[in-house]
Amino acid sequence: MAIIPVASYYIVWDSIAVVRGHWSFNPEYILGIHFLELPIEEWFFFITVPYASLLIYSVIKFYNKANITYFKFNVSKFSILFAATGLIIWLGKGYEYTGLSFLTCALFFLLDSLSTVKLSQSLNFWSTQGIILVCNFIFNSYLTGRPVLLYNQQFFLGLRVGSIPLEDFFYGFGLTSLCMLCFELLLKNKDKQYYPSDSSKELSESISRL
């Protein structure tokens, strides 16, 4: 359930981005089955990546039971910073992909600041994001290096980490962070704040909720 609202948002964004020409998919590396302008492989991406991120997050929570909060900062200021930067880049320079990526990160920090979860101040959250960052670099390097994904220079800064556009990291951060936030909010709504015990059964039950 945590994946559905976030995946829906990203699918709409992705579909519009393809129509606008932000990026395209190399026909040599996909099956050619499309729905809402997106290849079927992209639809699976919005299922597998969020699910994998929530699985990593749940496992980290299982082993770090204390979930000590090390990061004390004003989350709302992060939201304002990302939103202002995104709008300036988008409206001032016309880099739509860059702007939308930053605005999505701003949305996460805004929702987190308004919630009681305060996910962004959690060590478990940033530990998960660290693992995701490494995985993102490995797999995205392949996708952009082949290239499976073709980017339109008109809509992004042109800064790359290897073959990966810088915006891809913010795109992925927004996707996985929003999923984790929805996951925690769903747990709280069920009055089952999750601080796992030593029981492997509880880990299985948490993973089944993804």
N, C-alpha and C. Protein backbone atom coordinates (compact mmCIF):
# COMPACT_ATOMS: atom_id res chain seq x y z
N MET A 1 0.82 -1.21 0.00
CA MET A 1 0.00 0.00 0.00
C MET A 1 0.86 1.27 0.00
N ALA A 2 2.02 1.21 0.64
CA ALA A 2 2.88 2.39 0.71
C ALA A 2 3.42 2.78 -0.66
N ILE A 3 3.51 1.82 -1.55
CA ILE A 3 4.09 2.06 -2.87
C ILE A 3 3.10 2.74 -3.81
N ILE A 4 1.81 2.42 -3.68
CA ILE A 4 0.80 2.84 -4.66
C ILE A 4 0.74 4.34 -4.89
N PRO A 5 0.58 5.18 -3.85
CA PRO A 5 0.47 6.63 -4.11
C PRO A 5 1.73 7.23 -4.72
N VAL A 6 2.88 6.76 -4.26
CA VAL A 6 4.15 7.30 -4.77
C VAL A 6 4.39 6.85 -6.21
N ALA A 7 4.16 5.57 -6.48
CA ALA A 7 4.32 5.06 -7.84
C ALA A 7 3.38 5.76 -8.81
N SER A 8 2.16 6.04 -8.36
CA SER A 8 1.19 6.73 -9.21
C SER A 8 1.69 8.11 -9.59
N TYR A 9 2.22 8.83 -8.62
CA TYR A 9 2.78 10.16 -8.87
C TYR A 9 3.93 10.09 -9.87
N TYR A 10 4.81 9.13 -9.68
CA TYR A 10 5.98 9.02 -10.56
C TYR A 10 5.60 8.53 -11.96
N ILE A 11 4.60 7.69 -12.06
CA ILE A 11 4.16 7.22 -13.38
C ILE A 11 3.59 8.38 -14.19
N VAL A 12 2.79 9.23 -13.53
CA VAL A 12 2.26 10.41 -14.22
C VAL A 12 3.40 11.32 -14.65
N TRP A 13 4.34 11.57 -13.74
CA TRP A 13 5.51 12.40 -14.05
C TRP A 13 6.29 11.79 -15.22
N ASP A 14 6.56 10.51 -15.15
CA ASP A 14 7.35 9.83 -16.18
C ASP A 14 6.66 9.90 -17.54
N SER A 15 5.36 9.69 -17.54
CA SER A 15 4.61 9.72 -18.80
C SER A 15 4.68 11.11 -19.44
N ILE A 16 4.48 12.13 -18.62
CA ILE A 16 4.55 13.50 -19.14
C ILE A 16 5.97 13.83 -19.61
N ALA A 17 6.96 13.35 -18.87
CA ALA A 17 8.36 13.60 -19.24
C ALA A 17 8.69 12.99 -20.59
N VAL A 18 8.19 11.79 -20.85
CA VAL A 18 8.43 11.14 -22.14
C VAL A 18 7.76 11.92 -23.26
N VAL A 19 6.54 12.37 -23.03
CA VAL A 19 5.82 13.16 -24.03
C VAL A 19 6.54 14.48 -24.28
N ARG A 20 7.02 15.09 -23.21
CA ARG A 20 7.74 16.36 -23.32
C ARG A 20 9.12 16.20 -23.94
N GLY A 21 9.64 14.97 -23.93
CA GLY A 21 10.95 14.72 -24.51
C GLY A 21 12.10 14.84 -23.54
N HIS A 22 11.82 14.74 -22.23
CA HIS A 22 12.90 14.79 -21.24
C HIS A 22 13.87 13.64 -21.45
N TRP A 23 13.34 12.45 -21.69
CA TRP A 23 14.15 11.27 -21.95
C TRP A 23 13.35 10.29 -22.79
N SER A 24 14.05 9.31 -23.31
CA SER A 24 13.41 8.25 -24.10
C SER A 24 14.12 6.95 -23.81
N PHE A 25 13.58 5.86 -24.34
CA PHE A 25 14.11 4.52 -24.07
C PHE A 25 14.62 3.91 -25.37
N ASN A 26 15.85 3.45 -25.32
CA ASN A 26 16.48 2.87 -26.51
C ASN A 26 15.73 1.61 -26.93
N PRO A 27 15.12 1.60 -28.11
CA PRO A 27 14.32 0.44 -28.54
C PRO A 27 15.11 -0.86 -28.66
N GLU A 28 16.43 -0.77 -28.71
CA GLU A 28 17.26 -1.98 -28.81
C GLU A 28 17.24 -2.79 -27.52
N TYR A 29 16.87 -2.16 -26.40
CA TYR A 29 17.00 -2.83 -25.10
C TYR A 29 15.67 -3.05 -24.39
N ILE A 30 14.55 -2.79 -25.04
CA ILE A 30 13.25 -3.00 -24.41
C ILE A 30 12.37 -3.87 -25.30
N LEU A 31 11.32 -4.44 -24.71
CA LEU A 31 10.45 -5.36 -25.44
C LEU A 31 9.59 -4.64 -26.48
N GLY A 32 9.31 -3.38 -26.23
CA GLY A 32 8.47 -2.63 -27.16
C GLY A 32 7.01 -2.59 -26.78
N ILE A 33 6.68 -3.09 -25.58
CA ILE A 33 5.31 -3.05 -25.07
C ILE A 33 5.16 -1.78 -24.24
N HIS A 34 4.24 -0.89 -24.65
CA HIS A 34 4.09 0.40 -23.98
C HIS A 34 2.67 0.57 -23.44
N PHE A 35 2.57 1.30 -22.33
CA PHE A 35 1.28 1.70 -21.77
C PHE A 35 1.45 3.08 -21.17
N LEU A 36 0.60 4.02 -21.55
CA LEU A 36 0.73 5.42 -21.13
C LEU A 36 2.12 5.96 -21.47
N GLU A 37 2.59 5.64 -22.66
CA GLU A 37 3.87 6.11 -23.20
C GLU A 37 5.09 5.47 -22.54
N LEU A 38 4.88 4.59 -21.57
CA LEU A 38 6.00 3.99 -20.86
C LEU A 38 6.16 2.52 -21.23
N PRO A 39 7.40 2.08 -21.46
CA PRO A 39 7.60 0.65 -21.71
C PRO A 39 7.29 -0.16 -20.47
N ILE A 40 6.95 -1.41 -20.66
CA ILE A 40 6.55 -2.25 -19.53
C ILE A 40 7.68 -2.37 -18.51
N GLU A 41 8.92 -2.28 -18.98
CA GLU A 41 10.05 -2.35 -18.06
C GLU A 41 10.04 -1.21 -17.05
N GLU A 42 9.57 -0.02 -17.50
CA GLU A 42 9.51 1.12 -16.60
C GLU A 42 8.42 0.94 -15.54
N TRP A 43 7.33 0.29 -15.92
CA TRP A 43 6.28 -0.01 -14.95
C TRP A 43 6.82 -0.93 -13.85
N PHE A 44 7.61 -1.94 -14.24
CA PHE A 44 8.20 -2.83 -13.25
C PHE A 44 9.19 -2.09 -12.36
N PHE A 45 9.86 -1.09 -12.93
CA PHE A 45 10.80 -0.27 -12.15
C PHE A 45 10.10 0.36 -10.96
N PHE A 46 8.89 0.87 -11.16
CA PHE A 46 8.16 1.55 -10.10
C PHE A 46 7.54 0.59 -9.09
N ILE A 47 7.71 -0.69 -9.32
CA ILE A 47 7.31 -1.69 -8.32
C ILE A 47 8.54 -2.24 -7.60
N THR A 48 9.53 -2.64 -8.38
CA THR A 48 10.69 -3.32 -7.81
C THR A 48 11.59 -2.41 -6.98
N VAL A 49 11.83 -1.19 -7.47
CA VAL A 49 12.73 -0.29 -6.74
C VAL A 49 12.12 0.16 -5.40
N PRO A 50 10.86 0.63 -5.36
CA PRO A 50 10.28 0.95 -4.05
C PRO A 50 10.21 -0.25 -3.11
N TYR A 51 9.85 -1.42 -3.66
CA TYR A 51 9.76 -2.61 -2.81
C TYR A 51 11.13 -2.95 -2.23
N ALA A 52 12.16 -2.90 -3.06
CA ALA A 52 13.51 -3.21 -2.58
C ALA A 52 13.96 -2.20 -1.53
N SER A 53 13.62 -0.93 -1.72
CA SER A 53 14.02 0.09 -0.74
C SER A 53 13.32 -0.13 0.60
N LEU A 54 12.05 -0.51 0.56
CA LEU A 54 11.33 -0.78 1.80
C LEU A 54 11.82 -2.06 2.48
N LEU A 55 12.23 -3.01 1.68
CA LEU A 55 12.81 -4.23 2.24
C LEU A 55 14.11 -3.91 2.98
N ILE A 56 14.98 -3.13 2.34
CA ILE A 56 16.24 -2.73 2.98
C ILE A 56 15.95 -1.96 4.26
N TYR A 57 15.01 -1.03 4.19
CA TYR A 57 14.65 -0.21 5.36
C TYR A 57 14.14 -1.08 6.50
N SER A 58 13.30 -2.06 6.19
CA SER A 58 12.73 -2.94 7.22
C SER A 58 13.81 -3.79 7.88
N VAL A 59 14.75 -4.27 7.09
CA VAL A 59 15.83 -5.09 7.64
C VAL A 59 16.72 -4.25 8.56
N ILE A 60 17.04 -3.02 8.13
CA ILE A 60 17.85 -2.13 8.96
C ILE A 60 17.13 -1.83 10.27
N LYS A 61 15.82 -1.58 10.20
CA LYS A 61 15.04 -1.33 11.42
C LYS A 61 15.06 -2.54 12.34
N PHE A 62 15.04 -3.72 11.76
CA PHE A 62 15.03 -4.94 12.55
C PHE A 62 16.31 -5.08 13.38
N TYR A 63 17.45 -4.73 12.76
CA TYR A 63 18.72 -4.90 13.45
C TYR A 63 19.11 -3.67 14.27
N ASN A 64 18.60 -2.50 13.92
CA ASN A 64 18.86 -1.30 14.72
C ASN A 64 17.60 -0.94 15.49
N LYS A 65 17.36 -1.67 16.55
CA LYS A 65 16.10 -1.55 17.29
C LYS A 65 15.95 -0.19 17.97
N ALA A 66 17.07 0.40 18.36
CA ALA A 66 16.99 1.66 19.08
C ALA A 66 16.58 2.81 18.16
N ASN A 67 16.96 2.72 16.88
CA ASN A 67 16.65 3.77 15.89
C ASN A 67 17.03 5.14 16.44
N ILE A 68 18.27 5.24 16.93
CA ILE A 68 18.72 6.48 17.56
C ILE A 68 18.70 7.62 16.53
N THR A 69 18.14 8.75 16.94
CA THR A 69 18.08 9.91 16.06
C THR A 69 19.35 10.74 16.25
N TYR A 70 20.19 10.76 15.22
CA TYR A 70 21.44 11.51 15.29
C TYR A 70 21.35 12.85 14.59
N PHE A 71 20.37 13.02 13.73
CA PHE A 71 20.34 14.17 12.84
C PHE A 71 19.29 15.18 13.32
N LYS A 72 19.76 16.20 14.01
CA LYS A 72 18.87 17.24 14.51
C LYS A 72 18.99 18.45 13.58
N PHE A 73 17.99 18.68 12.75
CA PHE A 73 18.00 19.84 11.88
C PHE A 73 16.56 20.23 11.55
N ASN A 74 16.41 21.43 11.06
CA ASN A 74 15.09 21.95 10.72
C ASN A 74 14.69 21.40 9.35
N VAL A 75 13.79 20.43 9.37
CA VAL A 75 13.40 19.76 8.13
C VAL A 75 12.69 20.72 7.18
N SER A 76 11.90 21.63 7.72
CA SER A 76 11.15 22.57 6.88
C SER A 76 12.09 23.48 6.09
N LYS A 77 13.26 23.80 6.65
CA LYS A 77 14.22 24.62 5.93
C LYS A 77 14.79 23.85 4.72
N PHE A 78 14.96 22.55 4.87
CA PHE A 78 15.40 21.73 3.74
C PHE A 78 14.35 21.77 2.64
N SER A 79 13.09 21.73 3.03
CA SER A 79 12.01 21.78 2.06
C SER A 79 12.03 23.10 1.28
N ILE A 80 12.20 24.19 2.00
CA ILE A 80 12.24 25.51 1.37
C ILE A 80 13.45 25.62 0.44
N LEU A 81 14.59 25.11 0.89
CA LEU A 81 15.81 25.17 0.09
C LEU A 81 15.66 24.42 -1.22
N PHE A 82 15.15 23.20 -1.15
CA PHE A 82 14.97 22.40 -2.36
C PHE A 82 13.92 23.02 -3.28
N ALA A 83 12.83 23.53 -2.69
CA ALA A 83 11.77 24.13 -3.49
C ALA A 83 12.26 25.38 -4.21
N ALA A 84 12.97 26.24 -3.49
CA ALA A 84 13.47 27.47 -4.09
C ALA A 84 14.48 27.18 -5.20
N THR A 85 15.39 26.23 -4.93
CA THR A 85 16.39 25.86 -5.93
C THR A 85 15.73 25.27 -7.17
N GLY A 86 14.76 24.38 -6.94
CA GLY A 86 14.06 23.75 -8.06
C GLY A 86 13.33 24.76 -8.93
N LEU A 87 12.64 25.71 -8.30
CA LEU A 87 11.89 26.72 -9.05
C LEU A 87 12.82 27.64 -9.83
N ILE A 88 13.93 28.03 -9.21
CA ILE A 88 14.89 28.91 -9.89
C ILE A 88 15.47 28.22 -11.12
N ILE A 89 15.87 26.96 -10.96
CA ILE A 89 16.46 26.22 -12.07
C ILE A 89 15.44 25.98 -13.17
N TRP A 90 14.21 25.63 -12.77
CA TRP A 90 13.16 25.34 -13.76
C TRP A 90 12.71 26.60 -14.49
N LEU A 91 12.28 27.61 -13.72
CA LEU A 91 11.73 28.81 -14.33
C LEU A 91 12.81 29.72 -14.91
N GLY A 92 13.97 29.71 -14.26
CA GLY A 92 15.04 30.60 -14.72
C GLY A 92 15.85 30.04 -15.88
N LYS A 93 16.10 28.73 -15.85
CA LYS A 93 16.96 28.11 -16.86
C LYS A 93 16.20 27.18 -17.80
N GLY A 94 14.98 26.81 -17.43
CA GLY A 94 14.20 25.92 -18.29
C GLY A 94 14.54 24.45 -18.15
N TYR A 95 15.31 24.10 -17.10
CA TYR A 95 15.68 22.70 -16.89
C TYR A 95 14.56 22.01 -16.11
N GLU A 96 13.59 21.49 -16.82
CA GLU A 96 12.40 20.93 -16.19
C GLU A 96 12.70 19.69 -15.34
N TYR A 97 13.54 18.79 -15.86
CA TYR A 97 13.85 17.57 -15.10
C TYR A 97 14.55 17.92 -13.79
N THR A 98 15.49 18.84 -13.84
CA THR A 98 16.20 19.27 -12.63
C THR A 98 15.22 19.88 -11.63
N GLY A 99 14.38 20.79 -12.12
CA GLY A 99 13.43 21.46 -11.25
C GLY A 99 12.46 20.49 -10.59
N LEU A 100 11.91 19.57 -11.37
CA LEU A 100 10.95 18.61 -10.83
C LEU A 100 11.61 17.68 -9.81
N SER A 101 12.85 17.30 -10.05
CA SER A 101 13.57 16.42 -9.12
C SER A 101 13.75 17.11 -7.77
N PHE A 102 14.16 18.38 -7.81
CA PHE A 102 14.35 19.14 -6.57
C PHE A 102 13.01 19.39 -5.87
N LEU A 103 11.98 19.68 -6.63
CA LEU A 103 10.67 19.93 -6.03
C LEU A 103 10.09 18.68 -5.38
N THR A 104 10.39 17.52 -5.95
CA THR A 104 9.93 16.26 -5.35
C THR A 104 10.65 16.00 -4.03
N CYS A 105 11.94 16.31 -3.98
CA CYS A 105 12.67 16.21 -2.71
C CYS A 105 12.10 17.19 -1.69
N ALA A 106 11.75 18.39 -2.16
CA ALA A 106 11.13 19.39 -1.27
C ALA A 106 9.80 18.87 -0.73
N LEU A 107 9.04 18.18 -1.58
CA LEU A 107 7.77 17.61 -1.15
C LEU A 107 7.97 16.60 -0.03
N PHE A 108 8.99 15.76 -0.16
CA PHE A 108 9.27 14.79 0.89
C PHE A 108 9.58 15.47 2.22
N PHE A 109 10.51 16.45 2.19
CA PHE A 109 10.89 17.12 3.43
C PHE A 109 9.72 17.89 4.03
N LEU A 110 8.86 18.46 3.17
CA LEU A 110 7.68 19.17 3.67
C LEU A 110 6.73 18.21 4.38
N LEU A 111 6.41 17.09 3.73
CA LEU A 111 5.50 16.12 4.33
C LEU A 111 6.10 15.53 5.61
N ASP A 112 7.39 15.32 5.59
CA ASP A 112 8.05 14.76 6.78
C ASP A 112 8.01 15.75 7.94
N SER A 113 8.18 17.03 7.63
CA SER A 113 8.15 18.05 8.69
C SER A 113 6.75 18.21 9.28
N LEU A 114 5.73 17.95 8.48
CA LEU A 114 4.36 18.08 8.94
C LEU A 114 3.87 16.82 9.68
N SER A 115 4.57 15.72 9.49
CA SER A 115 4.17 14.47 10.12
C SER A 115 4.83 14.31 11.48
N THR A 116 4.41 13.28 12.19
CA THR A 116 5.04 12.97 13.48
C THR A 116 6.16 11.94 13.32
N VAL A 117 6.39 11.52 12.10
CA VAL A 117 7.38 10.47 11.85
C VAL A 117 8.80 11.01 11.98
N LYS A 118 9.04 12.21 11.35
CA LYS A 118 10.38 12.81 11.32
C LYS A 118 11.40 11.79 10.79
N LEU A 119 11.06 11.20 9.68
CA LEU A 119 11.88 10.14 9.09
C LEU A 119 13.28 10.63 8.75
N SER A 120 13.38 11.86 8.27
CA SER A 120 14.67 12.38 7.81
C SER A 120 15.67 12.61 8.93
N GLN A 121 15.21 12.52 10.19
CA GLN A 121 16.12 12.64 11.32
C GLN A 121 16.52 11.27 11.88
N SER A 122 16.12 10.24 11.17
CA SER A 122 16.37 8.88 11.63
C SER A 122 17.64 8.30 11.02
N LEU A 123 18.44 7.67 11.87
CA LEU A 123 19.65 7.00 11.40
C LEU A 123 19.29 5.87 10.45
N ASN A 124 18.19 5.17 10.73
CA ASN A 124 17.76 4.07 9.86
C ASN A 124 17.46 4.57 8.45
N PHE A 125 16.83 5.74 8.35
CA PHE A 125 16.50 6.31 7.04
C PHE A 125 17.76 6.59 6.24
N TRP A 126 18.72 7.28 6.84
CA TRP A 126 19.93 7.66 6.11
C TRP A 126 20.82 6.46 5.82
N SER A 127 20.79 5.46 6.70
CA SER A 127 21.53 4.22 6.42
C SER A 127 20.95 3.54 5.19
N THR A 128 19.62 3.51 5.11
CA THR A 128 18.94 2.93 3.95
C THR A 128 19.30 3.70 2.69
N GLN A 129 19.25 5.03 2.77
CA GLN A 129 19.56 5.85 1.60
C GLN A 129 21.01 5.67 1.15
N GLY A 130 21.91 5.42 2.09
CA GLY A 130 23.30 5.16 1.72
C GLY A 130 23.44 3.90 0.88
N ILE A 131 22.74 2.84 1.28
CA ILE A 131 22.76 1.59 0.52
C ILE A 131 22.11 1.79 -0.84
N ILE A 132 20.99 2.50 -0.87
CA ILE A 132 20.29 2.76 -2.13
C ILE A 132 21.18 3.56 -3.08
N LEU A 133 21.93 4.51 -2.54
CA LEU A 133 22.81 5.34 -3.36
C LEU A 133 23.85 4.48 -4.09
N VAL A 134 24.43 3.53 -3.36
CA VAL A 134 25.42 2.63 -3.98
C VAL A 134 24.76 1.79 -5.07
N CYS A 135 23.60 1.23 -4.77
CA CYS A 135 22.88 0.41 -5.76
C CYS A 135 22.47 1.24 -6.97
N ASN A 136 22.03 2.46 -6.72
CA ASN A 136 21.64 3.37 -7.79
C ASN A 136 22.82 3.62 -8.72
N PHE A 137 23.98 3.87 -8.14
CA PHE A 137 25.17 4.14 -8.95
C PHE A 137 25.53 2.94 -9.82
N ILE A 138 25.47 1.74 -9.24
CA ILE A 138 25.86 0.53 -9.99
C ILE A 138 24.90 0.27 -11.14
N PHE A 139 23.61 0.21 -10.84
CA PHE A 139 22.63 -0.16 -11.87
C PHE A 139 22.39 0.96 -12.88
N ASN A 140 22.36 2.20 -12.38
CA ASN A 140 22.12 3.31 -13.28
C ASN A 140 23.32 3.56 -14.20
N SER A 141 24.51 3.24 -13.72
CA SER A 141 25.69 3.34 -14.57
C SER A 141 25.55 2.45 -15.79
N TYR A 142 25.00 1.26 -15.57
CA TYR A 142 24.78 0.34 -16.69
C TYR A 142 23.70 0.88 -17.63
N LEU A 143 22.58 1.33 -17.06
CA LEU A 143 21.45 1.79 -17.88
C LEU A 143 21.81 3.01 -18.71
N THR A 144 22.58 3.93 -18.13
CA THR A 144 22.94 5.14 -18.85
C THR A 144 24.19 4.96 -19.70
N GLY A 145 24.96 3.94 -19.38
CA GLY A 145 26.19 3.70 -20.14
C GLY A 145 25.98 2.92 -21.41
N ARG A 146 24.94 2.07 -21.47
CA ARG A 146 24.72 1.25 -22.66
C ARG A 146 24.50 2.05 -23.94
N PRO A 147 23.58 3.02 -24.08
CA PRO A 147 22.64 3.48 -23.07
C PRO A 147 21.24 2.92 -23.31
N VAL A 148 20.57 2.53 -22.21
CA VAL A 148 19.17 2.15 -22.29
C VAL A 148 18.30 3.41 -22.23
N LEU A 149 18.72 4.35 -21.39
CA LEU A 149 18.02 5.63 -21.26
C LEU A 149 18.75 6.71 -22.04
N LEU A 150 17.98 7.49 -22.80
CA LEU A 150 18.54 8.57 -23.60
C LEU A 150 17.97 9.90 -23.09
N TYR A 151 18.83 10.82 -22.69
CA TYR A 151 18.40 12.07 -22.08
C TYR A 151 18.51 13.23 -23.06
N ASN A 152 17.57 14.16 -22.95
CA ASN A 152 17.55 15.36 -23.77
C ASN A 152 18.26 16.48 -23.01
N GLN A 153 19.37 16.93 -23.52
CA GLN A 153 20.20 17.94 -22.85
C GLN A 153 19.42 19.22 -22.53
N GLN A 154 18.35 19.46 -23.26
CA GLN A 154 17.58 20.69 -23.09
C GLN A 154 16.94 20.80 -21.70
N PHE A 155 16.69 19.64 -21.06
CA PHE A 155 15.88 19.65 -19.84
C PHE A 155 16.65 19.36 -18.56
N PHE A 156 17.98 19.22 -18.62
CA PHE A 156 18.72 18.99 -17.38
C PHE A 156 20.07 19.70 -17.44
N LEU A 157 20.72 19.79 -16.29
CA LEU A 157 21.92 20.61 -16.15
C LEU A 157 23.07 20.16 -17.03
N GLY A 158 23.14 18.87 -17.28
CA GLY A 158 24.26 18.35 -18.05
C GLY A 158 25.41 17.86 -17.19
N LEU A 159 25.25 17.95 -15.86
CA LEU A 159 26.26 17.44 -14.94
C LEU A 159 26.03 15.95 -14.72
N ARG A 160 27.10 15.18 -14.82
CA ARG A 160 26.97 13.73 -14.69
C ARG A 160 27.99 13.18 -13.70
N VAL A 161 27.58 12.10 -13.04
CA VAL A 161 28.50 11.31 -12.21
C VAL A 161 28.77 10.05 -13.02
N GLY A 162 29.91 10.01 -13.68
CA GLY A 162 30.14 8.97 -14.67
C GLY A 162 29.22 9.23 -15.85
N SER A 163 28.34 8.28 -16.12
CA SER A 163 27.36 8.45 -17.20
C SER A 163 25.98 8.85 -16.68
N ILE A 164 25.85 9.00 -15.35
CA ILE A 164 24.55 9.25 -14.72
C ILE A 164 24.29 10.74 -14.55
N PRO A 165 23.18 11.25 -15.08
CA PRO A 165 22.82 12.65 -14.81
C PRO A 165 22.64 12.88 -13.31
N LEU A 166 23.11 14.02 -12.83
CA LEU A 166 23.03 14.34 -11.41
C LEU A 166 21.59 14.26 -10.91
N GLU A 167 20.65 14.67 -11.77
CA GLU A 167 19.24 14.69 -11.37
C GLU A 167 18.70 13.31 -11.02
N ASP A 168 19.28 12.26 -11.60
CA ASP A 168 18.79 10.91 -11.33
C ASP A 168 18.90 10.55 -9.85
N PHE A 169 19.91 11.08 -9.17
CA PHE A 169 20.08 10.77 -7.75
C PHE A 169 18.97 11.43 -6.91
N PHE A 170 18.59 12.64 -7.28
CA PHE A 170 17.49 13.31 -6.58
C PHE A 170 16.15 12.67 -6.93
N TYR A 171 16.01 12.24 -8.18
CA TYR A 171 14.82 11.52 -8.63
C TYR A 171 14.63 10.26 -7.80
N GLY A 172 15.70 9.49 -7.64
CA GLY A 172 15.63 8.25 -6.86
C GLY A 172 15.45 8.51 -5.38
N PHE A 173 16.08 9.58 -4.87
CA PHE A 173 15.91 9.92 -3.45
C PHE A 173 14.45 10.24 -3.14
N GLY A 174 13.82 11.02 -4.02
CA GLY A 174 12.42 11.37 -3.81
C GLY A 174 11.52 10.15 -3.85
N LEU A 175 11.76 9.27 -4.80
CA LEU A 175 10.95 8.06 -4.95
C LEU A 175 11.02 7.18 -3.71
N THR A 176 12.22 6.85 -3.29
CA THR A 176 12.38 5.93 -2.17
C THR A 176 12.02 6.57 -0.83
N SER A 177 12.32 7.86 -0.68
CA SER A 177 12.01 8.55 0.58
C SER A 177 10.51 8.67 0.80
N LEU A 178 9.78 9.03 -0.24
CA LEU A 178 8.33 9.14 -0.13
C LEU A 178 7.69 7.79 0.19
N CYS A 179 8.25 6.73 -0.39
CA CYS A 179 7.73 5.38 -0.09
C CYS A 179 7.96 5.02 1.38
N MET A 180 9.15 5.33 1.89
CA MET A 180 9.43 5.03 3.30
C MET A 180 8.55 5.86 4.23
N LEU A 181 8.30 7.11 3.86
CA LEU A 181 7.44 7.96 4.68
C LEU A 181 6.02 7.42 4.70
N CYS A 182 5.50 7.03 3.53
CA CYS A 182 4.15 6.44 3.47
C CYS A 182 4.09 5.16 4.29
N PHE A 183 5.14 4.37 4.24
CA PHE A 183 5.21 3.11 4.99
C PHE A 183 5.09 3.38 6.49
N GLU A 184 5.84 4.36 6.98
CA GLU A 184 5.80 4.68 8.41
C GLU A 184 4.44 5.27 8.81
N LEU A 185 3.87 6.09 7.95
CA LEU A 185 2.56 6.68 8.25
C LEU A 185 1.48 5.61 8.32
N LEU A 186 1.57 4.62 7.43
CA LEU A 186 0.60 3.53 7.46
C LEU A 186 0.72 2.72 8.75
N LEU A 187 1.95 2.51 9.19
CA LEU A 187 2.14 1.77 10.44
C LEU A 187 1.57 2.55 11.63
N LYS A 188 1.77 3.85 11.62
CA LYS A 188 1.25 4.67 12.72
C LYS A 188 -0.27 4.72 12.71
N ASN A 189 -0.84 4.76 11.52
CA ASN A 189 -2.30 4.80 11.41
C ASN A 189 -2.94 3.52 11.94
N LYS A 190 -2.20 2.45 11.90
CA LYS A 190 -2.69 1.18 12.42
C LYS A 190 -2.32 0.99 13.89
N ASP A 191 -1.78 2.07 14.47
CA ASP A 191 -1.36 2.00 15.89
C ASP A 191 -0.38 0.87 16.14
N LYS A 192 0.51 0.65 15.14
CA LYS A 192 1.51 -0.39 15.29
C LYS A 192 2.88 0.19 14.98
N GLN A 193 3.29 1.15 15.80
CA GLN A 193 4.61 1.71 15.62
C GLN A 193 5.63 0.59 15.72
N TYR A 194 6.51 0.53 14.70
CA TYR A 194 7.31 -0.67 14.54
C TYR A 194 8.70 -0.50 15.11
N TYR A 195 8.92 -1.07 16.28
CA TYR A 195 10.27 -1.23 16.82
C TYR A 195 10.46 -2.73 17.04
N PRO A 196 11.02 -3.44 16.07
CA PRO A 196 11.02 -4.89 16.08
C PRO A 196 11.74 -5.51 17.26
N SER A 197 11.22 -6.64 17.69
CA SER A 197 11.88 -7.43 18.72
C SER A 197 12.85 -8.39 18.06
N ASP A 198 13.35 -9.34 18.83
CA ASP A 198 14.29 -10.30 18.27
C ASP A 198 13.60 -11.35 17.43
N SER A 199 12.30 -11.28 17.34
CA SER A 199 11.56 -12.33 16.64
C SER A 199 11.64 -12.15 15.13
N SER A 200 12.03 -13.18 14.42
CA SER A 200 12.07 -13.13 12.95
C SER A 200 10.67 -13.06 12.39
N LYS A 201 9.68 -13.47 13.19
CA LYS A 201 8.29 -13.42 12.73
C LYS A 201 7.86 -11.97 12.50
N GLU A 202 8.27 -11.08 13.39
CA GLU A 202 7.90 -9.68 13.25
C GLU A 202 8.53 -9.07 12.02
N LEU A 203 9.76 -9.47 11.69
CA LEU A 203 10.39 -9.00 10.47
C LEU A 203 9.59 -9.43 9.26
N SER A 204 9.15 -10.67 9.24
CA SER A 204 8.36 -11.19 8.12
C SER A 204 7.04 -10.44 7.98
N GLU A 205 6.41 -10.13 9.14
CA GLU A 205 5.14 -9.41 9.10
C GLU A 205 5.33 -8.00 8.56
N SER A 206 6.45 -7.36 8.90
CA SER A 206 6.71 -6.03 8.40
C SER A 206 6.93 -6.04 6.89
N ILE A 207 7.71 -7.00 6.43
CA ILE A 207 8.00 -7.10 5.00
C ILE A 207 6.74 -7.38 4.21
N SER A 208 5.81 -8.14 4.80
CA SER A 208 4.56 -8.49 4.11
C SER A 208 3.69 -7.27 3.90
N ARG A 209 3.92 -6.20 4.68
CA ARG A 209 3.13 -4.99 4.54
C ARG A 209 3.59 -4.11 3.38
N LEU A 210 4.79 -4.39 2.82
CA LEU A 210 5.36 -3.53 1.78
C LEU A 210 4.45 -3.50 0.57
